[in-house]
Amino acid sequence: MVTLVRAANPSPMTLSGTNSYVLDCGANAALVIDPGPPLPAHFDALVEAAAASGSAIRHIVLTHGHPDHTAGAATLAARTGARVYAHPACRVAHDVDLPLEAELTINSLSLRTMDAPGHSFDHAIFYLAPERALFTGDTILGEGTSVVAPPGGAMPAYLRTLARLSQEFAGARTIYPGHGPIVEDAPAKIAEYIAHRHMREGQIAAALSAGPRTIPDLVREIYSQQRVALWPAMARQILAHLLALEEQGRVESSPAGRAPSPAEFEMLNPDLEAIVGAQEAALLQAELGTQMRLDSFDEYRLVKGAQ
């Protein structure tokens, strides 16, 4: 049995809030996937959800290390005595490294654990075979699309992860995402995510076919003028695609020959703390990779003859 408990931390990045999941492990033990933010009311709800099935939280599993999924782990573990499991590359304090590409078995519960880099390099996805259910963290959301931003994430790795999900979990039925509603048609959602990334790559290539472009140029051409507040996030997404295209030898870059305008510099290096405050800025920085300043101002062009 899987119980969704949504944290009361809605924002543009977390959508309606971070999704935590309580799973029955048998032997009166429960496992929580992603304990979410450090909100006492959320911890109460998780403990109550476990108690409703006659269980107590004894295990906490993290999909990845971003703070909207993990900031509550230490407090919930201290309150319940639970052990914390995470990807071996995860820098969040944990007791046990997840067995990647293997089964995590706790009492009667068995989760296939897939190494899932892309959104971050410490991301894992879990498959609960009896329910044909995937727990995808931030790799696939219930609505909208996931952020993939260097240096914490990379588009080639993300596309490989999506391809694996499509090929290896074609029989999956349900996706339990890190944010947004539960997805009832897993294959369709995975296909939608793959198609979206190919569409965005095509838009970038089409824009570059008209001549060299900077990242702000591409953001203004490709994304809606009605969503200017989100342009810094979109700039990082464009950067991830451009780095992937450079890796493939389809795009090359060189200095733009001019300094960015103040608006362009702010798009590339937003002052997140001034915009949203210190607490939200920490999450946005983790998601958008803005700890990596884009001080060089480059333009990108298609490589002649590249496919």
C-alpha atoms as a PDB file:
ATOM      1  CA  MET A   1       0.000   0.000   0.000  1.00  0.00           C
ATOM      2  CA  VAL A   2       1.246   3.481  -0.929  1.00  0.00           C
ATOM      3  CA  THR A   3       0.008   6.632   0.813  1.00  0.00           C
ATOM      4  CA  LEU A   4       0.739  10.091  -0.575  1.00  0.00           C
ATOM      5  CA  VAL A   5       1.377  12.824   2.006  1.00  0.00           C
ATOM      6  CA  ARG A   6       1.966  16.227   0.401  1.00  0.00           C
ATOM      7  CA  ALA A   7       3.995  18.853   2.256  1.00  0.00           C
ATOM      8  CA  ALA A   8       2.627  22.372   2.642  1.00  0.00           C
ATOM      9  CA  ASN A   9       5.516  24.008   0.767  1.00  0.00           C
ATOM     10  CA  PRO A  10       3.982  25.125  -2.539  1.00  0.00           C
ATOM     11  CA  SER A  11       6.090  27.316  -4.830  1.00  0.00           C
ATOM     12  CA  PRO A  12       6.854  27.729  -8.538  1.00  0.00           C
ATOM     13  CA  MET A  13       9.553  25.052  -8.165  1.00  0.00           C
ATOM     14  CA  THR A  14       7.679  22.610  -5.912  1.00  0.00           C
ATOM     15  CA  LEU A  15       4.266  23.063  -7.598  1.00  0.00           C
ATOM     16  CA  SER A  16       1.607  22.129  -5.030  1.00  0.00           C
ATOM     17  CA  GLY A  17       4.277  20.915  -2.606  1.00  0.00           C
ATOM     18  CA  THR A  18       6.758  18.083  -2.142  1.00  0.00           C
ATOM     19  CA  ASN A  19       5.233  14.604  -2.325  1.00  0.00           C
ATOM     20  CA  SER A  20       6.225  12.161   0.412  1.00  0.00           C
ATOM     21  CA  TYR A  21       5.145   8.528   0.221  1.00  0.00           C
ATOM     22  CA  VAL A  22       4.536   6.075   3.055  1.00  0.00           C
ATOM     23  CA  LEU A  23       4.920   2.380   2.180  1.00  0.00           C
ATOM     24  CA  ASP A  24       4.098  -0.612   4.356  1.00  0.00           C
ATOM     25  CA  CYS A  25       7.160  -2.868   4.786  1.00  0.00           C
ATOM     26  CA  GLY A  26       5.460  -5.537   6.867  1.00  0.00           C
ATOM     27  CA  ALA A  27       6.389  -6.482  10.439  1.00  0.00           C
ATOM     28  CA  ASN A  28       4.707  -3.244  11.635  1.00  0.00           C
ATOM     29  CA  ALA A  29       7.332  -1.121   9.864  1.00  0.00           C
ATOM     30  CA  ALA A  30       6.835   1.658   7.327  1.00  0.00           C
ATOM     31  CA  LEU A  31       9.180   3.325   4.849  1.00  0.00           C
ATOM     32  CA  VAL A  32       8.989   6.973   3.786  1.00  0.00           C
ATOM     33  CA  ILE A  33      10.206   8.025   0.358  1.00  0.00           C
ATOM     34  CA  ASP A  34      11.346  11.677   0.512  1.00  0.00           C
ATOM     35  CA  PRO A  35      10.459  13.166   3.917  1.00  0.00           C
ATOM     36  CA  GLY A  36      10.304  16.664   2.411  1.00  0.00           C
ATOM     37  CA  PRO A  37      10.864  19.962   4.222  1.00  0.00           C
ATOM     38  CA  PRO A  38      11.299  20.323   8.019  1.00  0.00           C
ATOM     39  CA  LEU A  39       7.664  21.080   8.818  1.00  0.00           C
ATOM     40  CA  PRO A  40       6.334  19.643  12.120  1.00  0.00           C
ATOM     41  CA  ALA A  41       2.820  19.301  10.711  1.00  0.00           C
ATOM     42  CA  HIS A  42       4.194  17.288   7.796  1.00  0.00           C
ATOM     43  CA  PHE A  43       6.050  14.961  10.143  1.00  0.00           C
ATOM     44  CA  ASP A  44       2.828  14.483  12.123  1.00  0.00           C
ATOM     45  CA  ALA A  45       0.990  13.572   8.921  1.00  0.00           C
ATOM     46  CA  LEU A  46       3.653  11.039   7.943  1.00  0.00           C
ATOM     47  CA  VAL A  47       3.604   9.382  11.370  1.00  0.00           C
ATOM     48  CA  GLU A  48      -0.209   9.284  11.307  1.00  0.00           C
ATOM     49  CA  ALA A  49      -0.227   7.771   7.814  1.00  0.00           C
ATOM     50  CA  ALA A  50       2.035   4.957   8.990  1.00  0.00           C
ATOM     51  CA  ALA A  51      -0.007   4.423  12.158  1.00  0.00           C
ATOM     52  CA  ALA A  52      -3.189   4.105  10.084  1.00  0.00           C
ATOM     53  CA  SER A  53      -1.850   0.785   8.781  1.00  0.00           C
ATOM     54  CA  GLY A  54      -0.591  -0.296  12.182  1.00  0.00           C
ATOM     55  CA  SER A  55       3.007   0.605  11.421  1.00  0.00           C
ATOM     56  CA  ALA A  56       5.750   2.942  12.604  1.00  0.00           C
ATOM     57  CA  ILE A  57       8.290   4.704  10.404  1.00  0.00           C
ATOM     58  CA  ARG A  58      11.522   2.757  10.528  1.00  0.00           C
ATOM     59  CA  HIS A  59      13.119   3.616   7.167  1.00  0.00           C
ATOM     60  CA  ILE A  60      13.560   6.834   5.150  1.00  0.00           C
ATOM     61  CA  VAL A  61      14.624   6.702   1.492  1.00  0.00           C
ATOM     62  CA  LEU A  62      15.739   9.729  -0.529  1.00  0.00           C
ATOM     63  CA  THR A  63      15.290  10.003  -4.287  1.00  0.00           C
ATOM     64  CA  HIS A  64      17.966  12.736  -4.439  1.00  0.00           C
ATOM     65  CA  GLY A  65      19.600  15.414  -2.335  1.00  0.00           C
ATOM     66  CA  HIS A  66      17.691  18.609  -3.141  1.00  0.00           C
ATOM     67  CA  PRO A  67      16.475  20.301   0.038  1.00  0.00           C
ATOM     68  CA  ASP A  68      12.753  20.281  -0.738  1.00  0.00           C
ATOM     69  CA  HIS A  69      12.983  16.474  -0.606  1.00  0.00           C
ATOM     70  CA  THR A  70      15.552  15.963   2.144  1.00  0.00           C
ATOM     71  CA  ALA A  71      15.670  18.855   4.622  1.00  0.00           C
ATOM     72  CA  GLY A  72      13.349  17.022   6.993  1.00  0.00           C
ATOM     73  CA  ALA A  73      15.245  13.719   6.935  1.00  0.00           C
ATOM     74  CA  ALA A  74      17.405  14.214  10.022  1.00  0.00           C
ATOM     75  CA  THR A  75      14.542  15.497  12.169  1.00  0.00           C
ATOM     76  CA  LEU A  76      12.153  12.728  11.117  1.00  0.00           C
ATOM     77  CA  ALA A  77      14.868  10.131  11.673  1.00  0.00           C
ATOM     78  CA  ALA A  78      15.569  11.496  15.161  1.00  0.00           C
ATOM     79  CA  ARG A  79      11.877  11.470  16.007  1.00  0.00           C
ATOM     80  CA  THR A  80      11.210   7.918  14.763  1.00  0.00           C
ATOM     81  CA  GLY A  81      14.563   6.161  15.015  1.00  0.00           C
ATOM     82  CA  ALA A  82      14.462   5.486  11.283  1.00  0.00           C
ATOM     83  CA  ARG A  83      17.520   4.748   9.162  1.00  0.00           C
ATOM     84  CA  VAL A  84      18.118   7.003   6.161  1.00  0.00           C
ATOM     85  CA  TYR A  85      19.023   5.540   2.753  1.00  0.00           C
ATOM     86  CA  ALA A  86      20.379   7.584  -0.171  1.00  0.00           C
ATOM     87  CA  HIS A  87      22.318   7.388  -3.406  1.00  0.00           C
ATOM     88  CA  PRO A  88      26.041   6.767  -2.766  1.00  0.00           C
ATOM     89  CA  ALA A  89      26.811  10.166  -4.347  1.00  0.00           C
ATOM     90  CA  CYS A  90      24.304  12.024  -2.163  1.00  0.00           C
ATOM     91  CA  ARG A  91      25.900  14.543   0.191  1.00  0.00           C
ATOM     92  CA  VAL A  92      22.925  14.585   2.550  1.00  0.00           C
ATOM     93  CA  ALA A  93      23.783  12.726   5.753  1.00  0.00           C
ATOM     94  CA  HIS A  94      22.486   9.159   5.561  1.00  0.00           C
ATOM     95  CA  ASP A  95      23.045   5.809   7.227  1.00  0.00           C
ATOM     96  CA  VAL A  96      22.945   3.439   4.254  1.00  0.00           C
ATOM     97  CA  ASP A  97      23.953   3.743   0.588  1.00  0.00           C
ATOM     98  CA  LEU A  98      21.230   2.560  -1.748  1.00  0.00           C
ATOM     99  CA  PRO A  99      22.018  -0.616  -3.732  1.00  0.00           C
ATOM    100  CA  LEU A 100      21.943   0.828  -7.258  1.00  0.00           C
ATOM    101  CA  GLU A 101      20.685  -1.394 -10.092  1.00  0.00           C
ATOM    102  CA  ALA A 102      19.545  -3.906  -7.492  1.00  0.00           C
ATOM    103  CA  GLU A 103      16.722  -4.602  -5.064  1.00  0.00           C
ATOM    104  CA  LEU A 104      16.315  -2.721  -1.811  1.00  0.00           C
ATOM    105  CA  THR A 105      14.534  -5.310   0.324  1.00  0.00           C
ATOM    106  CA  ILE A 106      13.129  -4.459   3.745  1.00  0.00           C
ATOM    107  CA  ASN A 107      10.943  -7.123   5.349  1.00  0.00           C
ATOM    108  CA  SER A 108       8.212  -7.889   2.780  1.00  0.00           C
ATOM    109  CA  LEU A 109       8.885  -4.787   0.657  1.00  0.00           C
ATOM    110  CA  SER A 110      11.204  -4.886  -2.330  1.00  0.00           C
ATOM    111  CA  LEU A 111      12.051  -1.843  -4.454  1.00  0.00           C
ATOM    112  CA  ARG A 112      14.116  -2.090  -7.613  1.00  0.00           C
ATOM    113  CA  THR A 113      16.585   0.806  -7.419  1.00  0.00           C
ATOM    114  CA  MET A 114      17.690   2.483 -10.635  1.00  0.00           C
ATOM    115  CA  ASP A 115      20.569   4.926 -10.893  1.00  0.00           C
ATOM    116  CA  ALA A 116      18.877   7.906 -12.595  1.00  0.00           C
ATOM    117  CA  PRO A 117      21.272  10.805 -13.272  1.00  0.00           C
ATOM    118  CA  GLY A 118      20.110  13.891 -15.150  1.00  0.00           C
ATOM    119  CA  HIS A 119      18.064  16.150 -12.919  1.00  0.00           C
ATOM    120  CA  SER A 120      20.906  15.589 -10.459  1.00  0.00           C
ATOM    121  CA  PHE A 121      23.783  13.148 -10.323  1.00  0.00           C
ATOM    122  CA  ASP A 122      22.637  11.651  -7.016  1.00  0.00           C
ATOM    123  CA  HIS A 123      19.160  10.687  -8.222  1.00  0.00           C
ATOM    124  CA  ALA A 124      17.576   7.265  -7.852  1.00  0.00           C
ATOM    125  CA  ILE A 125      14.233   5.956  -9.100  1.00  0.00           C
ATOM    126  CA  PHE A 126      12.367   3.088  -7.445  1.00  0.00           C
ATOM    127  CA  TYR A 127      10.061   0.460  -8.949  1.00  0.00           C
ATOM    128  CA  LEU A 128       7.487  -1.383  -6.862  1.00  0.00           C
ATOM    129  CA  ALA A 129       6.736  -4.411  -9.023  1.00  0.00           C
ATOM    130  CA  PRO A 130       3.503  -5.667  -7.370  1.00  0.00           C
ATOM    131  CA  GLU A 131       1.860  -2.295  -8.061  1.00  0.00           C
ATOM    132  CA  ARG A 132       3.746  -1.674 -11.341  1.00  0.00           C
ATOM    133  CA  ALA A 133       4.630   1.692  -9.817  1.00  0.00           C
ATOM    134  CA  LEU A 134       7.590   4.020 -10.354  1.00  0.00           C
ATOM    135  CA  PHE A 135       8.714   6.586  -7.779  1.00  0.00           C
ATOM    136  CA  THR A 136      10.432   9.144  -9.992  1.00  0.00           C
ATOM    137  CA  GLY A 137      11.379  12.011  -7.663  1.00  0.00           C
ATOM    138  CA  ASP A 138      12.124  15.024  -9.840  1.00  0.00           C
ATOM    139  CA  THR A 139      13.005  13.053 -12.971  1.00  0.00           C
ATOM    140  CA  ILE A 140       9.337  13.026 -13.987  1.00  0.00           C
ATOM    141  CA  LEU A 141       6.740  15.262 -12.352  1.00  0.00           C
ATOM    142  CA  GLY A 142       2.987  14.924 -12.217  1.00  0.00           C
ATOM    143  CA  GLU A 143       2.616  18.088 -14.280  1.00  0.00           C
ATOM    144  CA  GLY A 144       4.946  20.362 -16.201  1.00  0.00           C
ATOM    145  CA  THR A 145       8.552  19.392 -16.877  1.00  0.00           C
ATOM    146  CA  SER A 146      11.619  18.794 -14.755  1.00  0.00           C
ATOM    147  CA  VAL A 147      14.513  21.243 -14.437  1.00  0.00           C
ATOM    148  CA  VAL A 148      17.816  19.999 -15.851  1.00  0.00           C
ATOM    149  CA  ALA A 149      20.552  22.543 -15.161  1.00  0.00           C
ATOM    150  CA  PRO A 150      24.344  22.302 -15.000  1.00  0.00           C
ATOM    151  CA  PRO A 151      26.487  21.807 -13.037  1.00  0.00           C
ATOM    152  CA  GLY A 152      24.220  19.683 -10.822  1.00  0.00           C
ATOM    153  CA  GLY A 153      22.417  18.122 -13.767  1.00  0.00           C
ATOM    154  CA  ALA A 154      23.110  17.267 -17.405  1.00  0.00           C
ATOM    155  CA  MET A 155      20.889  16.801 -20.432  1.00  0.00           C
ATOM    156  CA  PRO A 156      22.662  13.781 -22.024  1.00  0.00           C
ATOM    157  CA  ALA A 157      22.413  11.836 -18.768  1.00  0.00           C
ATOM    158  CA  TYR A 158      18.781  12.913 -18.354  1.00  0.00           C
ATOM    159  CA  LEU A 159      17.853  11.726 -21.850  1.00  0.00           C
ATOM    160  CA  ARG A 160      19.549   8.387 -21.200  1.00  0.00           C
ATOM    161  CA  THR A 161      17.553   8.019 -17.988  1.00  0.00           C
ATOM    162  CA  LEU A 162      14.291   8.732 -19.810  1.00  0.00           C
ATOM    163  CA  ALA A 163      15.235   6.212 -22.506  1.00  0.00           C
ATOM    164  CA  ARG A 164      15.894   3.564 -19.854  1.00  0.00           C
ATOM    165  CA  LEU A 165      12.528   4.226 -18.237  1.00  0.00           C
ATOM    166  CA  SER A 166      10.805   3.817 -21.596  1.00  0.00           C
ATOM    167  CA  GLN A 167      12.647   0.611 -22.480  1.00  0.00           C
ATOM    168  CA  GLU A 168      12.939  -1.143 -19.129  1.00  0.00           C
ATOM    169  CA  PHE A 169       9.636  -0.171 -17.510  1.00  0.00           C
ATOM    170  CA  ALA A 170       7.238  -0.422 -20.426  1.00  0.00           C
ATOM    171  CA  GLY A 171       4.940  -2.435 -18.167  1.00  0.00           C
ATOM    172  CA  ALA A 172       4.767   0.247 -15.487  1.00  0.00           C
ATOM    173  CA  ARG A 173       1.297   1.573 -14.792  1.00  0.00           C
ATOM    174  CA  THR A 174       1.600   4.349 -12.192  1.00  0.00           C
ATOM    175  CA  ILE A 175       4.117   7.106 -11.556  1.00  0.00           C
ATOM    176  CA  TYR A 176       4.394   8.544  -8.060  1.00  0.00           C
ATOM    177  CA  PRO A 177       6.259  11.815  -8.779  1.00  0.00           C
ATOM    178  CA  GLY A 178       8.161  14.129  -6.452  1.00  0.00           C
ATOM    179  CA  HIS A 179       5.691  16.940  -7.184  1.00  0.00           C
ATOM    180  CA  GLY A 180       2.265  17.195  -8.744  1.00  0.00           C
ATOM    181  CA  PRO A 181      -0.531  14.657  -9.092  1.00  0.00           C
ATOM    182  CA  ILE A 182      -0.090  10.894  -9.360  1.00  0.00           C
ATOM    183  CA  VAL A 183       0.221   9.767 -12.984  1.00  0.00           C
ATOM    184  CA  GLU A 184      -2.010   6.858 -13.991  1.00  0.00           C
ATOM    185  CA  ASP A 185      -0.500   6.172 -17.463  1.00  0.00           C
ATOM    186  CA  ALA A 186       3.242   5.808 -16.938  1.00  0.00           C
ATOM    187  CA  PRO A 187       4.254   4.919 -20.537  1.00  0.00           C
ATOM    188  CA  ALA A 188       2.372   7.918 -21.940  1.00  0.00           C
ATOM    189  CA  LYS A 189       3.993  10.316 -19.459  1.00  0.00           C
ATOM    190  CA  ILE A 190       7.489   8.974 -20.161  1.00  0.00           C
ATOM    191  CA  ALA A 191       6.881   9.328 -23.907  1.00  0.00           C
ATOM    192  CA  GLU A 192       5.598  12.873 -23.342  1.00  0.00           C
ATOM    193  CA  TYR A 193       8.792  13.803 -21.483  1.00  0.00           C
ATOM    194  CA  ILE A 194      11.021  12.379 -24.225  1.00  0.00           C
ATOM    195  CA  ALA A 195       9.022  14.173 -26.927  1.00  0.00           C
ATOM    196  CA  HIS A 196       9.239  17.460 -25.035  1.00  0.00           C
ATOM    197  CA  ARG A 197      13.022  17.334 -24.857  1.00  0.00           C
ATOM    198  CA  HIS A 198      13.321  16.534 -28.554  1.00  0.00           C
ATOM    199  CA  MET A 199      10.909  19.378 -29.326  1.00  0.00           C
ATOM    200  CA  ARG A 200      12.981  21.849 -27.316  1.00  0.00           C
ATOM    201  CA  GLU A 201      16.194  20.684 -28.987  1.00  0.00           C
ATOM    202  CA  GLY A 202      14.522  21.185 -32.371  1.00  0.00           C
ATOM    203  CA  GLN A 203      13.464  24.702 -31.439  1.00  0.00           C
ATOM    204  CA  ILE A 204      17.033  25.593 -30.474  1.00  0.00           C
ATOM    205  CA  ALA A 205      18.443  24.153 -33.699  1.00  0.00           C
ATOM    206  CA  ALA A 206      15.822  26.018 -35.746  1.00  0.00           C
ATOM    207  CA  ALA A 207      16.696  29.314 -34.052  1.00  0.00           C
ATOM    208  CA  LEU A 208      20.421  28.761 -34.616  1.00  0.00           C
ATOM    209  CA  SER A 209      19.830  27.959 -38.279  1.00  0.00           C
ATOM    210  CA  ALA A 210      19.044  31.655 -38.739  1.00  0.00           C
ATOM    211  CA  GLY A 211      22.432  32.649 -37.324  1.00  0.00           C
ATOM    212  CA  PRO A 212      24.428  32.819 -34.071  1.00  0.00           C
ATOM    213  CA  ARG A 213      22.461  33.364 -30.880  1.00  0.00           C
ATOM    214  CA  THR A 214      23.283  33.986 -27.225  1.00  0.00           C
ATOM    215  CA  ILE A 215      21.378  32.194 -24.488  1.00  0.00           C
ATOM    216  CA  PRO A 216      19.240  35.306 -23.762  1.00  0.00           C
ATOM    217  CA  ASP A 217      18.457  35.525 -27.500  1.00  0.00           C
ATOM    218  CA  LEU A 218      17.244  31.933 -27.481  1.00  0.00           C
ATOM    219  CA  VAL A 219      15.186  32.401 -24.313  1.00  0.00           C
ATOM    220  CA  ARG A 220      13.424  35.423 -25.800  1.00  0.00           C
ATOM    221  CA  GLU A 221      12.737  33.610 -29.084  1.00  0.00           C
ATOM    222  CA  ILE A 222      11.609  30.274 -27.696  1.00  0.00           C
ATOM    223  CA  TYR A 223       9.773  31.072 -24.464  1.00  0.00           C
ATOM    224  CA  SER A 224       6.689  33.136 -23.822  1.00  0.00           C
ATOM    225  CA  GLN A 225       7.001  36.858 -23.161  1.00  0.00           C
ATOM    226  CA  GLN A 226       4.327  36.341 -20.506  1.00  0.00           C
ATOM    227  CA  ARG A 227       6.683  34.304 -18.298  1.00  0.00           C
ATOM    228  CA  VAL A 228       9.596  36.715 -17.907  1.00  0.00           C
ATOM    229  CA  ALA A 229       9.941  35.850 -14.199  1.00  0.00           C
ATOM    230  CA  LEU A 230      10.879  32.300 -15.195  1.00  0.00           C
ATOM    231  CA  TRP A 231      13.459  33.300 -17.800  1.00  0.00           C
ATOM    232  CA  PRO A 232      16.471  32.614 -15.495  1.00  0.00           C
ATOM    233  CA  ALA A 233      15.256  29.012 -15.104  1.00  0.00           C
ATOM    234  CA  MET A 234      14.682  28.761 -18.834  1.00  0.00           C
ATOM    235  CA  ALA A 235      18.173  30.122 -19.529  1.00  0.00           C
ATOM    236  CA  ARG A 236      19.680  27.258 -17.524  1.00  0.00           C
ATOM    237  CA  GLN A 237      17.542  24.753 -19.416  1.00  0.00           C
ATOM    238  CA  ILE A 238      18.737  26.219 -22.716  1.00  0.00           C
ATOM    239  CA  LEU A 239      22.332  25.985 -21.454  1.00  0.00           C
ATOM    240  CA  ALA A 240      21.849  22.287 -20.661  1.00  0.00           C
ATOM    241  CA  HIS A 241      20.585  21.641 -24.199  1.00  0.00           C
ATOM    242  CA  LEU A 242      23.408  23.662 -25.763  1.00  0.00           C
ATOM    243  CA  LEU A 243      26.062  21.777 -23.794  1.00  0.00           C
ATOM    244  CA  ALA A 244      24.519  18.509 -24.992  1.00  0.00           C
ATOM    245  CA  LEU A 245      24.515  19.718 -28.609  1.00  0.00           C
ATOM    246  CA  GLU A 246      28.148  20.816 -28.256  1.00  0.00           C
ATOM    247  CA  GLU A 247      29.008  17.374 -26.893  1.00  0.00           C
ATOM    248  CA  GLN A 248      27.395  15.863 -30.012  1.00  0.00           C
ATOM    249  CA  GLY A 249      29.419  18.161 -32.276  1.00  0.00           C
ATOM    250  CA  ARG A 250      26.297  19.834 -33.632  1.00  0.00           C
ATOM    251  CA  VAL A 251      26.829  23.260 -32.028  1.00  0.00           C
ATOM    252  CA  GLU A 252      29.887  25.355 -31.270  1.00  0.00           C
ATOM    253  CA  SER A 253      30.367  28.481 -29.182  1.00  0.00           C
ATOM    254  CA  SER A 254      32.640  31.510 -29.093  1.00  0.00           C
ATOM    255  CA  PRO A 255      32.674  34.851 -27.262  1.00  0.00           C
ATOM    256  CA  ALA A 256      29.813  37.094 -28.342  1.00  0.00           C
ATOM    257  CA  GLY A 257      32.105  40.068 -28.886  1.00  0.00           C
ATOM    258  CA  ARG A 258      30.131  42.299 -26.574  1.00  0.00           C
ATOM    259  CA  ALA A 259      29.209  42.497 -22.927  1.00  0.00           C
ATOM    260  CA  PRO A 260      25.736  41.356 -21.872  1.00  0.00           C
ATOM    261  CA  SER A 261      23.205  44.054 -21.136  1.00  0.00           C
ATOM    262  CA  PRO A 262      22.169  44.379 -17.468  1.00  0.00           C
ATOM    263  CA  ALA A 263      18.948  42.480 -18.256  1.00  0.00           C
ATOM    264  CA  GLU A 264      20.884  39.706 -19.996  1.00  0.00           C
ATOM    265  CA  PHE A 265      23.368  39.411 -17.136  1.00  0.00           C
ATOM    266  CA  GLU A 266      20.523  39.204 -14.609  1.00  0.00           C
ATOM    267  CA  MET A 267      18.859  36.483 -16.687  1.00  0.00           C
ATOM    268  CA  LEU A 268      22.064  34.452 -16.635  1.00  0.00           C
ATOM    269  CA  ASN A 269      23.044  35.209 -13.028  1.00  0.00           C
ATOM    270  CA  PRO A 270      19.906  36.111 -11.069  1.00  0.00           C
ATOM    271  CA  ASP A 271      20.140  37.412  -7.501  1.00  0.00           C
ATOM    272  CA  LEU A 272      17.784  34.767  -6.173  1.00  0.00           C
ATOM    273  CA  GLU A 273      17.985  35.844  -2.541  1.00  0.00           C
ATOM    274  CA  ALA A 274      16.858  39.354  -3.458  1.00  0.00           C
ATOM    275  CA  ILE A 275      13.986  37.938  -5.500  1.00  0.00           C
ATOM    276  CA  VAL A 276      12.589  35.200  -3.241  1.00  0.00           C
ATOM    277  CA  GLY A 277      14.438  35.393   0.098  1.00  0.00           C
ATOM    278  CA  ALA A 278      17.206  33.238   1.568  1.00  0.00           C
ATOM    279  CA  GLN A 279      15.247  30.030   2.232  1.00  0.00           C
ATOM    280  CA  GLU A 280      13.651  29.752  -1.192  1.00  0.00           C
ATOM    281  CA  ALA A 281      16.888  30.917  -2.836  1.00  0.00           C
ATOM    282  CA  ALA A 282      18.730  27.850  -1.487  1.00  0.00           C
ATOM    283  CA  LEU A 283      16.244  25.557  -3.211  1.00  0.00           C
ATOM    284  CA  LEU A 284      16.312  27.524  -6.451  1.00  0.00           C
ATOM    285  CA  GLN A 285      20.097  27.547  -6.495  1.00  0.00           C
ATOM    286  CA  ALA A 286      20.160  23.765  -6.100  1.00  0.00           C
ATOM    287  CA  GLU A 287      17.584  23.299  -8.845  1.00  0.00           C
ATOM    288  CA  LEU A 288      18.916  25.870 -11.321  1.00  0.00           C
ATOM    289  CA  GLY A 289      22.639  25.490 -10.780  1.00  0.00           C
ATOM    290  CA  THR A 290      23.074  29.221 -10.279  1.00  0.00           C
ATOM    291  CA  GLN A 291      26.047  28.601  -7.994  1.00  0.00           C
ATOM    292  CA  MET A 292      27.848  28.310 -11.359  1.00  0.00           C
ATOM    293  CA  ARG A 293      28.114  31.908 -12.567  1.00  0.00           C
ATOM    294  CA  LEU A 294      27.933  32.486 -16.304  1.00  0.00           C
ATOM    295  CA  ASP A 295      30.465  35.295 -16.509  1.00  0.00           C
ATOM    296  CA  SER A 296      31.531  34.553 -20.084  1.00  0.00           C
ATOM    297  CA  PHE A 297      29.025  35.782 -22.632  1.00  0.00           C
ATOM    298  CA  ASP A 298      29.030  33.401 -25.581  1.00  0.00           C
ATOM    299  CA  GLU A 299      27.094  32.983 -28.768  1.00  0.00           C
ATOM    300  CA  TYR A 300      26.258  29.628 -30.286  1.00  0.00           C
ATOM    301  CA  ARG A 301      26.038  28.501 -33.897  1.00  0.00           C
ATOM    302  CA  LEU A 302      25.313  25.296 -35.774  1.00  0.00           C
ATOM    303  CA  VAL A 303      28.328  23.343 -37.016  1.00  0.00           C
ATOM    304  CA  LYS A 304      28.248  23.138 -40.791  1.00  0.00           C
ATOM    305  CA  GLY A 305      27.634  19.620 -42.030  1.00  0.00           C
ATOM    306  CA  ALA A 306      26.695  18.279 -38.595  1.00  0.00           C
ATOM    307  CA  GLN A 307      23.622  16.069 -38.408  1.00  0.00           C
END
